[in-house]
């Protein structure tokens, strides 16, 4: 295999990984859309919101997916003015067991 072929192959893999990450983040945002009012100002949590939380929790089947979802949540939360106390209480409000704390300061890489 020539050096040019190897470079093209590496580039193609990188492009696919970026697309997967963007798709994962879009999935997170879509599933949590019904939760936005709660995440910004508290109050009651809708059943649609809890369905989205449960769907994301079920979709996070690998360590890589969990890291991608975590990074997406952290990067998008600030731009949507999500309050950390509401984000951290959302799994409990929806009775969904998430294996790690929901926090701006959580290290998504571990």
N, C-alpha and C. Protein backbone atom coordinates (compact mmCIF):
# COMPACT_ATOMS: atom_id res chain seq x y z
N UNK A 1 0.85 -1.17 0.00
CA UNK A 1 0.00 0.00 0.00
C UNK A 1 0.90 1.23 0.00
N UNK A 2 0.63 2.13 -0.91
CA UNK A 2 1.47 3.32 -1.02
C UNK A 2 1.18 4.30 0.12
N UNK A 3 2.09 5.23 0.34
CA UNK A 3 1.93 6.24 1.38
C UNK A 3 0.71 7.12 1.11
N UNK A 4 0.44 7.41 -0.16
CA UNK A 4 -0.73 8.23 -0.52
C UNK A 4 -2.02 7.50 -0.15
N UNK A 5 -2.06 6.22 -0.44
CA UNK A 5 -3.24 5.42 -0.11
C UNK A 5 -3.46 5.39 1.39
N UNK A 6 -2.39 5.23 2.16
CA UNK A 6 -2.50 5.22 3.61
C UNK A 6 -3.01 6.56 4.14
N UNK A 7 -2.52 7.65 3.61
CA UNK A 7 -2.96 8.98 4.05
C UNK A 7 -4.44 9.17 3.73
N UNK A 8 -4.85 8.77 2.54
CA UNK A 8 -6.26 8.89 2.16
C UNK A 8 -7.13 8.03 3.08
N UNK A 9 -6.69 6.83 3.40
CA UNK A 9 -7.43 5.95 4.28
C UNK A 9 -7.58 6.56 5.68
N UNK A 10 -6.50 7.08 6.22
CA UNK A 10 -6.55 7.73 7.54
C UNK A 10 -7.49 8.93 7.50
N UNK A 11 -7.42 9.73 6.47
CA UNK A 11 -8.30 10.89 6.34
C UNK A 11 -9.77 10.45 6.29
N UNK A 12 -10.05 9.39 5.55
CA UNK A 12 -11.44 8.90 5.44
C UNK A 12 -11.95 8.43 6.79
N UNK A 13 -11.12 7.74 7.54
CA UNK A 13 -11.52 7.29 8.88
C UNK A 13 -11.80 8.49 9.78
N UNK A 14 -10.96 9.50 9.74
CA UNK A 14 -11.17 10.70 10.56
C UNK A 14 -12.47 11.40 10.19
N UNK A 15 -12.75 11.52 8.92
CA UNK A 15 -13.99 12.17 8.47
C UNK A 15 -15.19 11.39 8.97
N UNK A 16 -15.14 10.07 8.90
CA UNK A 16 -16.25 9.25 9.39
C UNK A 16 -16.43 9.41 10.89
N UNK A 17 -15.36 9.50 11.64
CA UNK A 17 -15.46 9.67 13.09
C UNK A 17 -16.09 11.01 13.43
N UNK A 18 -15.75 12.07 12.72
CA UNK A 18 -16.35 13.38 12.97
C UNK A 18 -17.84 13.32 12.68
N UNK A 19 -18.24 12.66 11.62
CA UNK A 19 -19.66 12.53 11.28
C UNK A 19 -20.40 11.76 12.35
N UNK A 20 -19.80 10.69 12.88
CA UNK A 20 -20.43 9.92 13.93
C UNK A 20 -20.61 10.79 15.17
N UNK A 21 -19.60 11.55 15.55
CA UNK A 21 -19.70 12.41 16.72
C UNK A 21 -20.80 13.45 16.55
N UNK A 22 -20.90 14.04 15.38
CA UNK A 22 -21.93 15.04 15.13
C UNK A 22 -23.31 14.40 15.19
N UNK A 23 -23.45 13.20 14.64
CA UNK A 23 -24.72 12.49 14.71
C UNK A 23 -25.09 12.17 16.14
N UNK A 24 -24.12 11.74 16.94
CA UNK A 24 -24.38 11.43 18.34
C UNK A 24 -24.84 12.67 19.09
N UNK A 25 -24.22 13.79 18.83
CA UNK A 25 -24.60 15.03 19.51
C UNK A 25 -26.00 15.46 19.07
N UNK A 26 -26.30 15.30 17.82
CA UNK A 26 -27.65 15.64 17.34
C UNK A 26 -28.69 14.73 18.00
N UNK A 27 -28.35 13.46 18.18
CA UNK A 27 -29.25 12.53 18.85
C UNK A 27 -29.51 12.99 20.29
N UNK A 28 -28.46 13.40 20.98
CA UNK A 28 -28.60 13.89 22.36
C UNK A 28 -29.52 15.10 22.39
N UNK A 29 -29.27 16.07 21.54
CA UNK A 29 -30.07 17.29 21.52
C UNK A 29 -31.53 17.01 21.17
N UNK A 30 -31.76 16.12 20.23
CA UNK A 30 -33.12 15.77 19.83
C UNK A 30 -33.87 15.11 20.99
N UNK A 31 -33.23 14.17 21.64
CA UNK A 31 -33.88 13.46 22.74
C UNK A 31 -34.16 14.35 23.95
N UNK A 32 -33.31 15.33 24.16
CA UNK A 32 -33.47 16.21 25.33
C UNK A 32 -34.27 17.48 25.03
N UNK A 33 -34.68 17.68 23.80
CA UNK A 33 -35.46 18.87 23.45
C UNK A 33 -36.68 19.05 24.36
N UNK A 34 -37.44 17.99 24.65
CA UNK A 34 -38.61 18.17 25.53
C UNK A 34 -38.23 18.54 26.97
N UNK A 35 -36.96 18.45 27.31
CA UNK A 35 -36.50 18.75 28.68
C UNK A 35 -36.03 20.20 28.85
N UNK A 36 -35.95 20.95 27.77
CA UNK A 36 -35.32 22.26 27.82
C UNK A 36 -35.94 23.21 28.83
N UNK A 37 -37.26 23.25 28.94
CA UNK A 37 -37.87 24.14 29.93
C UNK A 37 -37.42 23.78 31.33
N UNK A 38 -37.43 22.48 31.64
CA UNK A 38 -36.98 22.05 32.96
C UNK A 38 -35.50 22.37 33.17
N UNK A 39 -34.68 22.09 32.18
CA UNK A 39 -33.24 22.30 32.31
C UNK A 39 -32.87 23.76 32.49
N UNK A 40 -33.70 24.66 32.01
CA UNK A 40 -33.43 26.10 32.13
C UNK A 40 -34.01 26.71 33.40
N UNK A 41 -35.21 26.22 33.80
CA UNK A 41 -35.86 26.92 34.92
C UNK A 41 -36.52 26.00 35.94
N UNK A 42 -36.34 24.71 35.85
CA UNK A 42 -36.91 23.80 36.84
C UNK A 42 -38.39 23.57 36.59
N UNK A 43 -39.10 23.20 37.64
CA UNK A 43 -40.52 22.92 37.52
C UNK A 43 -40.78 21.45 37.33
N UNK A 44 -41.81 21.15 36.57
CA UNK A 44 -42.16 19.74 36.35
C UNK A 44 -41.44 19.19 35.12
N UNK A 45 -41.26 17.88 35.14
CA UNK A 45 -40.59 17.18 34.04
C UNK A 45 -41.66 16.43 33.27
N UNK A 46 -41.72 16.64 31.96
CA UNK A 46 -42.74 15.99 31.14
C UNK A 46 -42.39 14.52 30.88
N UNK A 47 -43.41 13.75 30.55
CA UNK A 47 -43.18 12.34 30.22
C UNK A 47 -42.34 12.21 28.95
N UNK A 48 -42.51 13.15 28.00
CA UNK A 48 -41.68 13.12 26.78
C UNK A 48 -40.21 13.35 27.12
N UNK A 49 -39.96 14.23 28.07
CA UNK A 49 -38.59 14.46 28.52
C UNK A 49 -38.00 13.17 29.07
N UNK A 50 -38.73 12.53 29.96
CA UNK A 50 -38.23 11.29 30.58
C UNK A 50 -38.05 10.17 29.56
N UNK A 51 -38.89 10.13 28.56
CA UNK A 51 -38.70 9.14 27.48
C UNK A 51 -37.38 9.39 26.77
N UNK A 52 -37.07 10.67 26.52
CA UNK A 52 -35.80 11.01 25.88
C UNK A 52 -34.61 10.65 26.73
N UNK A 53 -34.69 10.91 28.03
CA UNK A 53 -33.61 10.56 28.96
C UNK A 53 -33.40 9.04 28.96
N UNK A 54 -34.49 8.29 29.03
CA UNK A 54 -34.39 6.83 29.02
C UNK A 54 -33.81 6.31 27.69
N UNK A 55 -34.23 6.92 26.59
CA UNK A 55 -33.72 6.52 25.27
C UNK A 55 -32.21 6.74 25.18
N UNK A 56 -31.75 7.91 25.65
CA UNK A 56 -30.31 8.19 25.62
C UNK A 56 -29.55 7.22 26.52
N UNK A 57 -30.09 6.95 27.68
CA UNK A 57 -29.43 6.04 28.60
C UNK A 57 -29.29 4.65 27.97
N UNK A 58 -30.32 4.20 27.28
CA UNK A 58 -30.26 2.89 26.60
C UNK A 58 -29.30 2.91 25.40
N UNK A 59 -29.18 4.07 24.75
CA UNK A 59 -28.30 4.19 23.58
C UNK A 59 -26.82 4.25 23.97
N UNK A 60 -26.54 4.61 25.21
CA UNK A 60 -25.15 4.73 25.68
C UNK A 60 -24.65 3.34 26.07
N UNK A 61 -24.43 2.51 25.06
CA UNK A 61 -24.10 1.11 25.30
C UNK A 61 -22.61 0.83 25.41
N UNK A 62 -21.78 1.75 24.95
CA UNK A 62 -20.33 1.53 25.02
C UNK A 62 -19.68 2.71 25.73
N UNK A 63 -18.46 2.50 26.16
CA UNK A 63 -17.72 3.59 26.81
C UNK A 63 -17.53 4.76 25.85
N UNK A 64 -17.29 4.45 24.58
CA UNK A 64 -17.10 5.51 23.59
C UNK A 64 -18.37 6.35 23.43
N UNK A 65 -19.53 5.69 23.37
CA UNK A 65 -20.80 6.42 23.24
C UNK A 65 -21.04 7.29 24.47
N UNK A 66 -20.78 6.75 25.65
CA UNK A 66 -20.98 7.50 26.89
C UNK A 66 -20.10 8.74 26.90
N UNK A 67 -18.86 8.60 26.46
CA UNK A 67 -17.95 9.75 26.40
C UNK A 67 -18.45 10.79 25.41
N UNK A 68 -18.92 10.34 24.24
CA UNK A 68 -19.43 11.26 23.23
C UNK A 68 -20.66 12.00 23.73
N UNK A 69 -21.59 11.28 24.36
CA UNK A 69 -22.79 11.91 24.90
C UNK A 69 -22.42 12.92 25.98
N UNK A 70 -21.51 12.55 26.84
CA UNK A 70 -21.06 13.42 27.93
C UNK A 70 -20.46 14.71 27.37
N UNK A 71 -19.56 14.56 26.42
CA UNK A 71 -18.92 15.75 25.82
C UNK A 71 -19.94 16.64 25.14
N UNK A 72 -20.90 16.05 24.46
CA UNK A 72 -21.95 16.81 23.80
C UNK A 72 -22.76 17.58 24.84
N UNK A 73 -23.17 16.88 25.89
CA UNK A 73 -23.97 17.53 26.93
C UNK A 73 -23.23 18.71 27.54
N UNK A 74 -21.96 18.51 27.84
CA UNK A 74 -21.19 19.60 28.45
C UNK A 74 -21.01 20.77 27.49
N UNK A 75 -20.74 20.50 26.24
CA UNK A 75 -20.50 21.60 25.30
C UNK A 75 -21.77 22.36 24.95
N UNK A 76 -22.88 21.66 24.86
CA UNK A 76 -24.13 22.31 24.46
C UNK A 76 -24.89 22.93 25.63
N UNK A 77 -24.70 22.42 26.83
CA UNK A 77 -25.46 22.91 27.99
C UNK A 77 -25.28 24.39 28.22
N UNK A 78 -24.07 24.87 28.13
CA UNK A 78 -23.83 26.29 28.36
C UNK A 78 -24.47 27.15 27.29
N UNK A 79 -24.43 26.72 26.05
CA UNK A 79 -25.02 27.52 24.98
C UNK A 79 -26.54 27.57 25.08
N UNK A 80 -27.14 26.58 25.74
CA UNK A 80 -28.60 26.56 25.93
C UNK A 80 -29.01 27.13 27.29
N UNK A 81 -28.07 27.66 28.06
CA UNK A 81 -28.32 28.22 29.40
C UNK A 81 -28.92 27.20 30.36
N UNK A 82 -28.42 25.98 30.30
CA UNK A 82 -28.88 24.93 31.20
C UNK A 82 -28.28 25.18 32.58
N UNK A 83 -29.12 25.11 33.60
CA UNK A 83 -28.66 25.28 34.98
C UNK A 83 -28.22 23.91 35.51
N UNK A 84 -27.03 23.88 36.08
CA UNK A 84 -26.42 22.61 36.48
C UNK A 84 -27.27 21.85 37.50
N UNK A 85 -27.94 22.55 38.42
CA UNK A 85 -28.73 21.83 39.43
C UNK A 85 -29.90 21.07 38.79
N UNK A 86 -30.46 21.61 37.72
CA UNK A 86 -31.56 20.92 37.04
C UNK A 86 -31.03 19.76 36.19
N UNK A 87 -29.89 19.98 35.55
CA UNK A 87 -29.29 18.90 34.74
C UNK A 87 -28.90 17.72 35.63
N UNK A 88 -28.33 18.01 36.78
CA UNK A 88 -27.89 16.91 37.65
C UNK A 88 -29.06 16.15 38.27
N UNK A 89 -30.20 16.80 38.42
CA UNK A 89 -31.35 16.12 39.03
C UNK A 89 -32.26 15.44 38.00
N UNK A 90 -32.03 15.69 36.72
CA UNK A 90 -32.92 15.14 35.68
C UNK A 90 -33.02 13.61 35.70
N UNK A 91 -31.92 12.87 35.78
CA UNK A 91 -32.07 11.41 35.81
C UNK A 91 -32.93 10.94 36.99
N UNK A 92 -32.73 11.53 38.15
CA UNK A 92 -33.52 11.16 39.32
C UNK A 92 -35.00 11.52 39.12
N UNK A 93 -35.26 12.69 38.55
CA UNK A 93 -36.63 13.11 38.28
C UNK A 93 -37.33 12.12 37.35
N UNK A 94 -36.56 11.56 36.42
CA UNK A 94 -37.12 10.62 35.45
C UNK A 94 -36.99 9.16 35.88
N UNK A 95 -36.42 8.95 37.06
CA UNK A 95 -36.22 7.60 37.58
C UNK A 95 -35.39 6.74 36.63
N UNK A 96 -34.33 7.36 36.13
CA UNK A 96 -33.40 6.68 35.24
C UNK A 96 -32.05 6.63 35.95
N UNK A 97 -31.48 5.44 36.08
CA UNK A 97 -30.19 5.27 36.75
C UNK A 97 -29.06 5.53 35.76
N UNK A 98 -28.34 6.63 35.96
CA UNK A 98 -27.18 6.96 35.14
C UNK A 98 -25.95 6.69 36.00
N UNK A 99 -24.97 6.00 35.45
CA UNK A 99 -23.84 5.50 36.21
C UNK A 99 -22.79 6.55 36.58
N UNK A 100 -23.01 7.80 36.17
CA UNK A 100 -22.03 8.84 36.48
C UNK A 100 -22.79 10.13 36.77
N UNK A 101 -22.15 11.05 37.52
CA UNK A 101 -22.84 12.30 37.84
C UNK A 101 -22.98 13.21 36.62
N UNK A 102 -24.08 13.92 36.54
CA UNK A 102 -24.29 14.90 35.48
C UNK A 102 -23.80 16.24 36.02
N UNK A 103 -22.69 16.72 35.47
CA UNK A 103 -22.06 17.91 36.00
C UNK A 103 -21.19 18.56 34.94
N UNK A 104 -21.10 19.89 35.02
CA UNK A 104 -20.20 20.62 34.11
C UNK A 104 -18.75 20.22 34.36
N UNK A 105 -18.43 19.84 35.59
CA UNK A 105 -17.04 19.57 35.93
C UNK A 105 -16.64 18.10 35.78
N UNK A 106 -17.57 17.23 35.43
CA UNK A 106 -17.25 15.82 35.27
C UNK A 106 -16.28 15.63 34.11
N UNK A 107 -15.29 14.80 34.30
CA UNK A 107 -14.29 14.51 33.27
C UNK A 107 -14.85 13.44 32.32
N UNK A 108 -15.29 13.85 31.16
CA UNK A 108 -15.90 12.93 30.19
C UNK A 108 -14.92 11.93 29.61
N UNK A 109 -13.64 12.16 29.75
CA UNK A 109 -12.64 11.28 29.17
C UNK A 109 -12.41 10.01 29.98
N UNK A 110 -12.90 9.98 31.20
CA UNK A 110 -12.68 8.77 32.00
C UNK A 110 -13.83 7.82 32.00
